[in-house]
Amino acid sequence: MNALITLRVPATSANLGSGFDTIGMAVSLYNIFKVTELLPEGEYRVEALGEGSRELSSPKANLVVKAYEETCKRWNVTGPGFALWCHNIIPLCRGLGSSAGAVVAGVLIAKYLTGYDADDDELLRAMTVIEGHPDNVAPCFLGGMVVSCWDGKELRYVNLPPLPPEVLCVVAVPDERVKTSDARNALPKEVPFADAVFNVGRAALLTAAWATGKWDYLKWGMDDRLHQQYRSKLFSGGDVIFSRVEALPECLSVAISGSGPSVIALVKGSTQRVAEAMCRTFTEHGVRSQFFVLDGSAQGARVDVDMEFPRLLEEYRRCR
């Protein structure tokens, strides 16, 4: 299929263990978006294949289009409408950042179709404003493992070194959904001081261990008392899957991916027993599942622009 702009965005695993709302990583599962035609301002056509194809084929329901329009408003610019082709591989509402990928794509399309001079920091701020927090959009845009802090206005972020090639991510995806709103509502309004101190120490250890390659510390570093004990009750098997997987010697650590219900394990060595234990747990609780073995040092968003695009965009602007 001919395309003026082609974007590839990775899935992400955020809220990683103790890193609630701050730590996330890109994994090697990708959605593809193609701008195939320029249309009059405010006019859109969407063709979606794969995950959520029926619901996402409506421009009004497609988050790429929404993010594009919100970004144009933020920058106070106007841009053309467009025809969008989507191939969605990332499961929807499963904790793997499908919405973040759409936001990243929409903001990048706005940059290219309007010509707005936005650097990476401004692009990431625009993405964060739409998504609400940076722990998914930052690794989706930048790739790899990212620690980020957002105070509602300013954003700071640090890319950590990549995982070594022998460490892989096993992600088990059950055939049930957890809405982000439900996952948020499951959290307490207040937590004991001891739990807050516990997580500060674990999050510090997680980032330090990752930065220095002390992978044996990850089980401690990804331990958590702020969100996982509450969210694990929202999906089948969540109360037992972590202890089962952590007991396997190949498993370096295990956590809820995003807000769930997917579960991610970092594995050094054979991935088979970890994947089997995850999927068997879901099966025992009456839920079908699938698993992916992924690279946890995936590239961030990639944009390819057709050679004809600048000419066609200039022609569109002249005819307005």
C-alpha atoms as a PDB file:
ATOM      1  CA  MET A   1       0.000   0.000   0.000  1.00  0.00           C
ATOM      2  CA  ASN A   2       1.372   3.416  -0.970  1.00  0.00           C
ATOM      3  CA  ALA A   3       1.659   5.789   1.957  1.00  0.00           C
ATOM      4  CA  LEU A   4       2.708   9.405   2.394  1.00  0.00           C
ATOM      5  CA  ILE A   5       3.754   8.784   5.997  1.00  0.00           C
ATOM      6  CA  THR A   6       4.306   5.421   7.693  1.00  0.00           C
ATOM      7  CA  LEU A   7       4.644   5.161  11.458  1.00  0.00           C
ATOM      8  CA  ARG A   8       5.632   2.148  13.547  1.00  0.00           C
ATOM      9  CA  VAL A   9       5.010   2.411  17.293  1.00  0.00           C
ATOM     10  CA  PRO A  10       5.908  -0.202  19.927  1.00  0.00           C
ATOM     11  CA  ALA A  11       3.852  -1.675  22.714  1.00  0.00           C
ATOM     12  CA  THR A  12       4.883  -0.680  26.208  1.00  0.00           C
ATOM     13  CA  SER A  13       4.808  -2.097  29.707  1.00  0.00           C
ATOM     14  CA  ALA A  14       4.358   0.732  32.203  1.00  0.00           C
ATOM     15  CA  ASN A  15       3.836   1.020  35.968  1.00  0.00           C
ATOM     16  CA  LEU A  16       6.679  -1.462  35.999  1.00  0.00           C
ATOM     17  CA  GLY A  17       6.675  -3.083  39.430  1.00  0.00           C
ATOM     18  CA  SER A  18       7.501  -0.384  41.974  1.00  0.00           C
ATOM     19  CA  GLY A  19       7.597   2.313  39.295  1.00  0.00           C
ATOM     20  CA  PHE A  20       3.933   3.315  39.421  1.00  0.00           C
ATOM     21  CA  ASP A  21       3.249   6.111  36.891  1.00  0.00           C
ATOM     22  CA  THR A  22       6.999   6.648  36.392  1.00  0.00           C
ATOM     23  CA  ILE A  23       8.776   3.633  34.868  1.00  0.00           C
ATOM     24  CA  GLY A  24       7.993   1.960  31.573  1.00  0.00           C
ATOM     25  CA  MET A  25       9.674   0.014  28.804  1.00  0.00           C
ATOM     26  CA  ALA A  26       9.087  -0.496  25.105  1.00  0.00           C
ATOM     27  CA  VAL A  27       8.659  -4.085  23.919  1.00  0.00           C
ATOM     28  CA  SER A  28       8.978  -5.467  20.408  1.00  0.00           C
ATOM     29  CA  LEU A  29       5.313  -5.633  19.393  1.00  0.00           C
ATOM     30  CA  TYR A  30       4.303  -2.920  16.945  1.00  0.00           C
ATOM     31  CA  ASN A  31       1.283  -1.157  15.475  1.00  0.00           C
ATOM     32  CA  ILE A  32       1.582   0.319  11.995  1.00  0.00           C
ATOM     33  CA  PHE A  33      -0.167   3.529  10.904  1.00  0.00           C
ATOM     34  CA  LYS A  34      -0.151   4.928   7.367  1.00  0.00           C
ATOM     35  CA  VAL A  35      -1.356   8.297   6.123  1.00  0.00           C
ATOM     36  CA  THR A  36      -2.391   7.410   2.592  1.00  0.00           C
ATOM     37  CA  GLU A  37      -4.113  10.580   1.382  1.00  0.00           C
ATOM     38  CA  LEU A  38      -4.543  14.247   2.316  1.00  0.00           C
ATOM     39  CA  LEU A  39      -8.157  15.377   2.739  1.00  0.00           C
ATOM     40  CA  PRO A  40      -9.862  18.706   3.446  1.00  0.00           C
ATOM     41  CA  GLU A  41      -9.382  20.067   6.960  1.00  0.00           C
ATOM     42  CA  GLY A  42     -11.554  18.231   9.490  1.00  0.00           C
ATOM     43  CA  GLU A  43     -12.295  15.319   7.161  1.00  0.00           C
ATOM     44  CA  TYR A  44     -10.991  11.823   7.957  1.00  0.00           C
ATOM     45  CA  ARG A  45     -11.289   8.272   6.703  1.00  0.00           C
ATOM     46  CA  VAL A  46     -10.009   5.329   8.714  1.00  0.00           C
ATOM     47  CA  GLU A  47      -9.432   1.711   7.751  1.00  0.00           C
ATOM     48  CA  ALA A  48      -8.384  -0.464  10.688  1.00  0.00           C
ATOM     49  CA  LEU A  49      -7.214  -4.066  10.611  1.00  0.00           C
ATOM     50  CA  GLY A  50      -6.439  -6.398  13.492  1.00  0.00           C
ATOM     51  CA  GLU A  51      -7.184  -5.572  17.120  1.00  0.00           C
ATOM     52  CA  GLY A  52     -10.330  -3.497  17.563  1.00  0.00           C
ATOM     53  CA  SER A  53     -10.801  -3.113  13.821  1.00  0.00           C
ATOM     54  CA  ARG A  54     -14.552  -2.534  14.020  1.00  0.00           C
ATOM     55  CA  GLU A  55     -14.541   0.110  16.734  1.00  0.00           C
ATOM     56  CA  LEU A  56     -11.384   1.888  15.544  1.00  0.00           C
ATOM     57  CA  SER A  57     -12.542   2.271  11.936  1.00  0.00           C
ATOM     58  CA  SER A  58     -14.733   5.186  13.035  1.00  0.00           C
ATOM     59  CA  PRO A  59     -12.758   8.475  12.941  1.00  0.00           C
ATOM     60  CA  LYS A  60     -14.687   9.714  15.980  1.00  0.00           C
ATOM     61  CA  ALA A  61     -13.524   6.694  18.006  1.00  0.00           C
ATOM     62  CA  ASN A  62      -9.970   6.580  16.693  1.00  0.00           C
ATOM     63  CA  LEU A  63      -7.456   7.979  19.169  1.00  0.00           C
ATOM     64  CA  VAL A  64      -4.907   8.753  16.436  1.00  0.00           C
ATOM     65  CA  VAL A  65      -7.348  11.254  14.926  1.00  0.00           C
ATOM     66  CA  LYS A  66      -8.248  12.669  18.352  1.00  0.00           C
ATOM     67  CA  ALA A  67      -4.575  13.114  19.288  1.00  0.00           C
ATOM     68  CA  TYR A  68      -3.890  14.809  15.957  1.00  0.00           C
ATOM     69  CA  GLU A  69      -6.686  17.319  16.475  1.00  0.00           C
ATOM     70  CA  GLU A  70      -5.764  18.014  20.106  1.00  0.00           C
ATOM     71  CA  THR A  71      -2.138  18.578  19.138  1.00  0.00           C
ATOM     72  CA  CYS A  72      -3.087  21.037  16.392  1.00  0.00           C
ATOM     73  CA  LYS A  73      -5.125  22.974  18.987  1.00  0.00           C
ATOM     74  CA  ARG A  74      -2.224  22.930  21.436  1.00  0.00           C
ATOM     75  CA  TRP A  75       0.118  24.353  18.827  1.00  0.00           C
ATOM     76  CA  ASN A  76      -2.525  26.731  17.431  1.00  0.00           C
ATOM     77  CA  VAL A  77      -2.004  25.443  13.894  1.00  0.00           C
ATOM     78  CA  THR A  78      -4.250  23.992  11.228  1.00  0.00           C
ATOM     79  CA  GLY A  79      -3.557  20.935   9.162  1.00  0.00           C
ATOM     80  CA  PRO A  80      -5.241  18.820   6.528  1.00  0.00           C
ATOM     81  CA  GLY A  81      -7.530  15.921   7.171  1.00  0.00           C
ATOM     82  CA  PHE A  82      -6.231  12.565   6.058  1.00  0.00           C
ATOM     83  CA  ALA A  83      -6.994   8.969   5.214  1.00  0.00           C
ATOM     84  CA  LEU A  84      -5.508   6.627   7.809  1.00  0.00           C
ATOM     85  CA  TRP A  85      -4.745   2.925   7.499  1.00  0.00           C
ATOM     86  CA  CYS A  86      -4.036   1.064  10.752  1.00  0.00           C
ATOM     87  CA  HIS A  87      -2.728  -2.414  11.416  1.00  0.00           C
ATOM     88  CA  ASN A  88      -3.218  -2.974  15.144  1.00  0.00           C
ATOM     89  CA  ILE A  89      -1.209  -5.828  16.639  1.00  0.00           C
ATOM     90  CA  ILE A  90      -1.060  -4.542  20.229  1.00  0.00           C
ATOM     91  CA  PRO A  91      -3.997  -5.984  22.225  1.00  0.00           C
ATOM     92  CA  LEU A  92      -6.560  -3.392  23.362  1.00  0.00           C
ATOM     93  CA  CYS A  93      -7.244  -2.701  27.045  1.00  0.00           C
ATOM     94  CA  ARG A  94      -4.710  -5.323  28.128  1.00  0.00           C
ATOM     95  CA  GLY A  95      -1.998  -3.154  29.700  1.00  0.00           C
ATOM     96  CA  LEU A  96       0.349  -2.982  26.723  1.00  0.00           C
ATOM     97  CA  GLY A  97       0.004   0.684  25.818  1.00  0.00           C
ATOM     98  CA  SER A  98      -2.250   0.529  22.770  1.00  0.00           C
ATOM     99  CA  SER A  99      -3.702   3.960  23.579  1.00  0.00           C
ATOM    100  CA  ALA A 100      -0.245   5.434  24.127  1.00  0.00           C
ATOM    101  CA  GLY A 101       0.810   4.176  20.701  1.00  0.00           C
ATOM    102  CA  ALA A 102      -2.164   5.912  19.113  1.00  0.00           C
ATOM    103  CA  VAL A 103      -1.356   9.155  20.945  1.00  0.00           C
ATOM    104  CA  VAL A 104       2.288   9.030  19.854  1.00  0.00           C
ATOM    105  CA  ALA A 105       1.222   8.424  16.255  1.00  0.00           C
ATOM    106  CA  GLY A 106      -1.327  11.258  16.304  1.00  0.00           C
ATOM    107  CA  VAL A 107       1.163  13.796  17.677  1.00  0.00           C
ATOM    108  CA  LEU A 108       3.818  12.808  15.133  1.00  0.00           C
ATOM    109  CA  ILE A 109       1.312  13.035  12.277  1.00  0.00           C
ATOM    110  CA  ALA A 110       0.479  16.559  13.482  1.00  0.00           C
ATOM    111  CA  LYS A 111       4.158  17.504  13.354  1.00  0.00           C
ATOM    112  CA  TYR A 112       4.581  16.299   9.795  1.00  0.00           C
ATOM    113  CA  LEU A 113       1.270  17.528   8.359  1.00  0.00           C
ATOM    114  CA  THR A 114       1.476  21.017   9.898  1.00  0.00           C
ATOM    115  CA  GLY A 115       5.232  21.522   9.722  1.00  0.00           C
ATOM    116  CA  TYR A 116       5.253  22.773  13.307  1.00  0.00           C
ATOM    117  CA  ASP A 117       8.799  23.083  14.647  1.00  0.00           C
ATOM    118  CA  ALA A 118       8.526  20.823  17.704  1.00  0.00           C
ATOM    119  CA  ASP A 119      11.606  19.227  19.238  1.00  0.00           C
ATOM    120  CA  ASP A 120      11.515  15.896  21.068  1.00  0.00           C
ATOM    121  CA  ASP A 121      10.815  17.531  24.426  1.00  0.00           C
ATOM    122  CA  GLU A 122       7.765  19.388  23.105  1.00  0.00           C
ATOM    123  CA  LEU A 123       6.523  16.305  21.260  1.00  0.00           C
ATOM    124  CA  LEU A 124       6.748  14.263  24.453  1.00  0.00           C
ATOM    125  CA  ARG A 125       5.023  16.987  26.470  1.00  0.00           C
ATOM    126  CA  ALA A 126       2.169  17.064  23.965  1.00  0.00           C
ATOM    127  CA  MET A 127       1.884  13.281  24.169  1.00  0.00           C
ATOM    128  CA  THR A 128       1.908  13.355  27.966  1.00  0.00           C
ATOM    129  CA  VAL A 129      -0.801  16.026  28.171  1.00  0.00           C
ATOM    130  CA  ILE A 130      -3.120  13.873  26.049  1.00  0.00           C
ATOM    131  CA  GLU A 131      -2.273  10.568  27.761  1.00  0.00           C
ATOM    132  CA  GLY A 132      -2.282  12.081  31.260  1.00  0.00           C
ATOM    133  CA  HIS A 133       1.033  10.606  32.408  1.00  0.00           C
ATOM    134  CA  PRO A 134       4.348   9.812  30.685  1.00  0.00           C
ATOM    135  CA  ASP A 135       5.181   6.247  31.715  1.00  0.00           C
ATOM    136  CA  ASN A 136       3.658   4.753  28.528  1.00  0.00           C
ATOM    137  CA  VAL A 137       4.197   7.481  25.931  1.00  0.00           C
ATOM    138  CA  ALA A 138       7.833   8.110  26.894  1.00  0.00           C
ATOM    139  CA  PRO A 139       9.102   4.581  26.126  1.00  0.00           C
ATOM    140  CA  CYS A 140       6.762   4.331  23.134  1.00  0.00           C
ATOM    141  CA  PHE A 141       8.256   7.490  21.646  1.00  0.00           C
ATOM    142  CA  LEU A 142      11.868   7.095  22.795  1.00  0.00           C
ATOM    143  CA  GLY A 143      12.268   3.309  22.999  1.00  0.00           C
ATOM    144  CA  GLY A 144      13.918   1.201  25.685  1.00  0.00           C
ATOM    145  CA  MET A 145      13.430   1.675  29.416  1.00  0.00           C
ATOM    146  CA  VAL A 146      12.491   5.203  30.518  1.00  0.00           C
ATOM    147  CA  VAL A 147      12.096   6.784  33.952  1.00  0.00           C
ATOM    148  CA  SER A 148       9.941   9.908  33.764  1.00  0.00           C
ATOM    149  CA  CYS A 149       8.453  12.514  36.107  1.00  0.00           C
ATOM    150  CA  TRP A 150       5.598  14.882  35.249  1.00  0.00           C
ATOM    151  CA  ASP A 151       4.208  17.648  37.467  1.00  0.00           C
ATOM    152  CA  GLY A 152       1.460  18.732  35.075  1.00  0.00           C
ATOM    153  CA  LYS A 153       3.663  21.308  33.351  1.00  0.00           C
ATOM    154  CA  GLU A 154       7.264  20.164  33.247  1.00  0.00           C
ATOM    155  CA  LEU A 155       8.594  16.769  32.216  1.00  0.00           C
ATOM    156  CA  ARG A 156      11.906  15.137  33.052  1.00  0.00           C
ATOM    157  CA  TYR A 157      12.984  11.751  31.751  1.00  0.00           C
ATOM    158  CA  VAL A 158      16.012   9.464  31.598  1.00  0.00           C
ATOM    159  CA  ASN A 159      16.653   6.527  29.266  1.00  0.00           C
ATOM    160  CA  LEU A 160      18.235   3.578  31.055  1.00  0.00           C
ATOM    161  CA  PRO A 161      20.689   1.179  29.361  1.00  0.00           C
ATOM    162  CA  PRO A 162      19.162  -1.621  27.284  1.00  0.00           C
ATOM    163  CA  LEU A 163      18.584  -5.108  28.588  1.00  0.00           C
ATOM    164  CA  PRO A 164      21.304  -7.602  27.675  1.00  0.00           C
ATOM    165  CA  PRO A 165      20.387  -9.878  24.747  1.00  0.00           C
ATOM    166  CA  GLU A 166      19.987 -12.908  27.029  1.00  0.00           C
ATOM    167  CA  VAL A 167      17.146 -11.254  29.001  1.00  0.00           C
ATOM    168  CA  LEU A 168      13.764 -11.490  27.283  1.00  0.00           C
ATOM    169  CA  CYS A 169      10.236 -10.455  28.197  1.00  0.00           C
ATOM    170  CA  VAL A 170       7.478 -13.037  28.404  1.00  0.00           C
ATOM    171  CA  VAL A 171       4.080 -11.354  28.291  1.00  0.00           C
ATOM    172  CA  ALA A 172       0.926 -13.365  28.986  1.00  0.00           C
ATOM    173  CA  VAL A 173      -2.271 -11.738  27.692  1.00  0.00           C
ATOM    174  CA  PRO A 174      -5.565 -13.148  29.013  1.00  0.00           C
ATOM    175  CA  ASP A 175      -8.755 -12.942  27.000  1.00  0.00           C
ATOM    176  CA  GLU A 176     -10.362 -10.381  29.274  1.00  0.00           C
ATOM    177  CA  ARG A 177     -10.091  -6.617  29.602  1.00  0.00           C
ATOM    178  CA  VAL A 178      -9.422  -4.211  32.432  1.00  0.00           C
ATOM    179  CA  LYS A 179     -10.482  -0.629  31.821  1.00  0.00           C
ATOM    180  CA  THR A 180      -7.932   1.961  32.868  1.00  0.00           C
ATOM    181  CA  SER A 181     -10.666   3.762  34.819  1.00  0.00           C
ATOM    182  CA  ASP A 182     -11.462   0.574  36.775  1.00  0.00           C
ATOM    183  CA  ALA A 183      -7.773   0.035  37.477  1.00  0.00           C
ATOM    184  CA  ARG A 184      -7.497   3.590  38.816  1.00  0.00           C
ATOM    185  CA  ASN A 185     -10.621   3.241  40.926  1.00  0.00           C
ATOM    186  CA  ALA A 186      -9.247   0.067  42.505  1.00  0.00           C
ATOM    187  CA  LEU A 187      -6.434   2.030  44.149  1.00  0.00           C
ATOM    188  CA  PRO A 188      -6.808   3.412  47.676  1.00  0.00           C
ATOM    189  CA  LYS A 189      -6.970   7.161  48.275  1.00  0.00           C
ATOM    190  CA  GLU A 190      -4.275   6.853  50.947  1.00  0.00           C
ATOM    191  CA  VAL A 191      -1.561   4.285  51.688  1.00  0.00           C
ATOM    192  CA  PRO A 192       0.313   3.536  54.920  1.00  0.00           C
ATOM    193  CA  PHE A 193       3.554   5.444  55.377  1.00  0.00           C
ATOM    194  CA  ALA A 194       5.442   2.148  55.577  1.00  0.00           C
ATOM    195  CA  ASP A 195       4.161   1.148  52.137  1.00  0.00           C
ATOM    196  CA  ALA A 196       5.274   4.468  50.655  1.00  0.00           C
ATOM    197  CA  VAL A 197       8.765   4.000  52.139  1.00  0.00           C
ATOM    198  CA  PHE A 198       8.805   0.417  50.853  1.00  0.00           C
ATOM    199  CA  ASN A 199       8.129   1.586  47.291  1.00  0.00           C
ATOM    200  CA  VAL A 200      10.651   4.429  47.392  1.00  0.00           C
ATOM    201  CA  GLY A 201      13.355   1.928  48.263  1.00  0.00           C
ATOM    202  CA  ARG A 202      12.239  -0.619  45.689  1.00  0.00           C
ATOM    203  CA  ALA A 203      11.941   1.932  42.865  1.00  0.00           C
ATOM    204  CA  ALA A 204      15.396   3.321  43.676  1.00  0.00           C
ATOM    205  CA  LEU A 205      16.817  -0.189  43.690  1.00  0.00           C
ATOM    206  CA  LEU A 206      15.082  -1.046  40.412  1.00  0.00           C
ATOM    207  CA  THR A 207      16.568   1.915  38.537  1.00  0.00           C
ATOM    208  CA  ALA A 208      20.013   1.506  40.104  1.00  0.00           C
ATOM    209  CA  ALA A 209      20.106  -2.221  39.357  1.00  0.00           C
ATOM    210  CA  TRP A 210      18.953  -1.631  35.779  1.00  0.00           C
ATOM    211  CA  ALA A 211      21.543   1.101  35.235  1.00  0.00           C
ATOM    212  CA  THR A 212      24.396  -1.061  36.561  1.00  0.00           C
ATOM    213  CA  GLY A 213      23.316  -4.428  35.177  1.00  0.00           C
ATOM    214  CA  LYS A 214      22.669  -6.082  38.536  1.00  0.00           C
ATOM    215  CA  TRP A 215      19.808  -8.146  37.164  1.00  0.00           C
ATOM    216  CA  ASP A 216      19.620 -10.434  40.194  1.00  0.00           C
ATOM    217  CA  TYR A 217      18.259  -7.446  42.154  1.00  0.00           C
ATOM    218  CA  LEU A 218      15.204  -7.057  39.924  1.00  0.00           C
ATOM    219  CA  LYS A 219      12.915  -9.272  42.036  1.00  0.00           C
ATOM    220  CA  TRP A 220      13.435  -6.916  44.944  1.00  0.00           C
ATOM    221  CA  GLY A 221      13.384  -3.828  42.762  1.00  0.00           C
ATOM    222  CA  MET A 222      10.056  -4.653  41.116  1.00  0.00           C
ATOM    223  CA  ASP A 223       8.310  -5.586  44.351  1.00  0.00           C
ATOM    224  CA  ASP A 224       5.449  -3.202  45.076  1.00  0.00           C
ATOM    225  CA  ARG A 225       2.828  -2.197  47.644  1.00  0.00           C
ATOM    226  CA  LEU A 226       1.143   0.732  45.886  1.00  0.00           C
ATOM    227  CA  HIS A 227      -0.880  -0.788  43.062  1.00  0.00           C
ATOM    228  CA  GLN A 228      -0.314  -4.449  42.200  1.00  0.00           C
ATOM    229  CA  GLN A 229      -1.967  -5.964  45.281  1.00  0.00           C
ATOM    230  CA  TYR A 230      -5.150  -4.056  44.410  1.00  0.00           C
ATOM    231  CA  ARG A 231      -5.124  -4.490  40.646  1.00  0.00           C
ATOM    232  CA  SER A 232      -4.326  -8.202  40.744  1.00  0.00           C
ATOM    233  CA  LYS A 233      -7.845  -8.717  42.094  1.00  0.00           C
ATOM    234  CA  LEU A 234      -9.347  -7.295  38.879  1.00  0.00           C
ATOM    235  CA  PHE A 235      -8.405 -10.228  36.639  1.00  0.00           C
ATOM    236  CA  SER A 236      -8.668 -13.993  36.830  1.00  0.00           C
ATOM    237  CA  GLY A 237      -5.660 -15.719  38.400  1.00  0.00           C
ATOM    238  CA  GLY A 238      -4.088 -12.465  39.484  1.00  0.00           C
ATOM    239  CA  ASP A 239      -3.910 -13.602  43.107  1.00  0.00           C
ATOM    240  CA  VAL A 240      -1.630 -16.565  42.374  1.00  0.00           C
ATOM    241  CA  ILE A 241       0.219 -15.941  39.119  1.00  0.00           C
ATOM    242  CA  PHE A 242       3.063 -13.877  40.589  1.00  0.00           C
ATOM    243  CA  SER A 243       4.162 -16.392  43.216  1.00  0.00           C
ATOM    244  CA  ARG A 244       4.040 -19.218  40.673  1.00  0.00           C
ATOM    245  CA  VAL A 245       6.164 -17.405  38.100  1.00  0.00           C
ATOM    246  CA  GLU A 246       8.650 -15.915  40.583  1.00  0.00           C
ATOM    247  CA  ALA A 247       9.416 -19.406  41.882  1.00  0.00           C
ATOM    248  CA  LEU A 248      10.924 -20.422  38.533  1.00  0.00           C
ATOM    249  CA  PRO A 249      14.731 -20.016  38.429  1.00  0.00           C
ATOM    250  CA  GLU A 250      14.653 -18.470  34.942  1.00  0.00           C
ATOM    251  CA  CYS A 251      12.453 -15.594  36.149  1.00  0.00           C
ATOM    252  CA  LEU A 252      14.295 -12.423  37.155  1.00  0.00           C
ATOM    253  CA  SER A 253      11.098 -10.551  38.028  1.00  0.00           C
ATOM    254  CA  VAL A 254       7.386 -10.418  37.252  1.00  0.00           C
ATOM    255  CA  ALA A 255       4.819  -7.619  37.302  1.00  0.00           C
ATOM    256  CA  ILE A 256       1.452  -6.481  36.043  1.00  0.00           C
ATOM    257  CA  SER A 257       1.934  -4.826  32.665  1.00  0.00           C
ATOM    258  CA  GLY A 258       0.441  -1.352  32.706  1.00  0.00           C
ATOM    259  CA  SER A 259      -2.883  -1.504  34.517  1.00  0.00           C
ATOM    260  CA  GLY A 260      -3.375  -5.177  33.573  1.00  0.00           C
ATOM    261  CA  PRO A 261      -4.560  -7.770  32.987  1.00  0.00           C
ATOM    262  CA  SER A 262      -1.424  -8.734  31.054  1.00  0.00           C
ATOM    263  CA  VAL A 263       1.497  -9.976  33.127  1.00  0.00           C
ATOM    264  CA  ILE A 264       5.139  -9.469  32.143  1.00  0.00           C
ATOM    265  CA  ALA A 265       8.146 -11.478  33.308  1.00  0.00           C
ATOM    266  CA  LEU A 266      11.810 -10.719  32.661  1.00  0.00           C
ATOM    267  CA  VAL A 267      13.477 -14.042  31.914  1.00  0.00           C
ATOM    268  CA  LYS A 268      17.116 -15.056  31.671  1.00  0.00           C
ATOM    269  CA  GLY A 269      17.388 -18.419  29.992  1.00  0.00           C
ATOM    270  CA  SER A 270      14.621 -20.593  28.577  1.00  0.00           C
ATOM    271  CA  THR A 271      11.276 -18.808  28.313  1.00  0.00           C
ATOM    272  CA  GLN A 272       9.156 -21.956  27.897  1.00  0.00           C
ATOM    273  CA  ARG A 273       8.443 -22.796  31.540  1.00  0.00           C
ATOM    274  CA  VAL A 274       7.593 -19.194  32.386  1.00  0.00           C
ATOM    275  CA  ALA A 275       5.165 -18.909  29.471  1.00  0.00           C
ATOM    276  CA  GLU A 276       3.569 -22.254  30.337  1.00  0.00           C
ATOM    277  CA  ALA A 277       3.139 -21.317  34.006  1.00  0.00           C
ATOM    278  CA  MET A 278       1.482 -18.030  33.084  1.00  0.00           C
ATOM    279  CA  CYS A 279      -0.937 -19.456  30.549  1.00  0.00           C
ATOM    280  CA  ARG A 280      -1.715 -22.513  32.709  1.00  0.00           C
ATOM    281  CA  THR A 281      -2.709 -20.202  35.545  1.00  0.00           C
ATOM    282  CA  PHE A 282      -5.157 -18.333  33.345  1.00  0.00           C
ATOM    283  CA  THR A 283      -6.533 -21.613  31.981  1.00  0.00           C
ATOM    284  CA  GLU A 284      -7.112 -22.950  35.503  1.00  0.00           C
ATOM    285  CA  HIS A 285      -9.183 -19.834  36.185  1.00  0.00           C
ATOM    286  CA  GLY A 286     -11.329 -20.340  33.087  1.00  0.00           C
ATOM    287  CA  VAL A 287      -9.684 -17.733  30.849  1.00  0.00           C
ATOM    288  CA  ARG A 288      -8.012 -18.274  27.507  1.00  0.00           C
ATOM    289  CA  SER A 289      -4.703 -16.507  26.956  1.00  0.00           C
ATOM    290  CA  GLN A 290      -1.852 -16.024  24.556  1.00  0.00           C
ATOM    291  CA  PHE A 291       1.773 -15.193  25.206  1.00  0.00           C
ATOM    292  CA  PHE A 292       4.514 -13.251  23.464  1.00  0.00           C
ATOM    293  CA  VAL A 293       8.261 -13.538  23.855  1.00  0.00           C
ATOM    294  CA  LEU A 294       9.559 -10.034  23.235  1.00  0.00           C
ATOM    295  CA  ASP A 295      12.680  -7.914  23.271  1.00  0.00           C
ATOM    296  CA  GLY A 296      12.521  -5.407  26.128  1.00  0.00           C
ATOM    297  CA  SER A 297      14.894  -2.950  24.462  1.00  0.00           C
ATOM    298  CA  ALA A 298      12.663  -2.160  21.509  1.00  0.00           C
ATOM    299  CA  GLN A 299      13.088   0.884  19.302  1.00  0.00           C
ATOM    300  CA  GLY A 300      10.801   3.825  19.826  1.00  0.00           C
ATOM    301  CA  ALA A 301       8.453   5.333  17.272  1.00  0.00           C
ATOM    302  CA  ARG A 302       9.773   5.289  13.720  1.00  0.00           C
ATOM    303  CA  VAL A 303       8.560   7.570  10.934  1.00  0.00           C
ATOM    304  CA  ASP A 304       9.157   7.029   7.212  1.00  0.00           C
ATOM    305  CA  VAL A 305       8.144   9.782   4.795  1.00  0.00           C
ATOM    306  CA  ASP A 306       7.546   9.169   1.091  1.00  0.00           C
ATOM    307  CA  MET A 307       9.620  11.270  -1.301  1.00  0.00           C
ATOM    308  CA  GLU A 308       6.429  12.668  -2.834  1.00  0.00           C
ATOM    309  CA  PHE A 309       5.016  13.867   0.484  1.00  0.00           C
ATOM    310  CA  PRO A 310       6.583  17.398   0.549  1.00  0.00           C
ATOM    311  CA  ARG A 311       5.323  18.124  -2.953  1.00  0.00           C
ATOM    312  CA  LEU A 312       1.819  16.871  -2.224  1.00  0.00           C
ATOM    313  CA  LEU A 313       1.635  18.828   1.037  1.00  0.00           C
ATOM    314  CA  GLU A 314       2.729  22.018  -0.709  1.00  0.00           C
ATOM    315  CA  GLU A 315       0.188  21.401  -3.445  1.00  0.00           C
ATOM    316  CA  TYR A 316      -2.515  20.908  -0.800  1.00  0.00           C
ATOM    317  CA  ARG A 317      -1.593  24.215   0.868  1.00  0.00           C
ATOM    318  CA  ARG A 318      -1.707  26.135  -2.416  1.00  0.00           C
ATOM    319  CA  CYS A 319      -5.184  24.816  -3.147  1.00  0.00           C
ATOM    320  CA  ARG A 320      -6.682  25.752   0.232  1.00  0.00           C
END
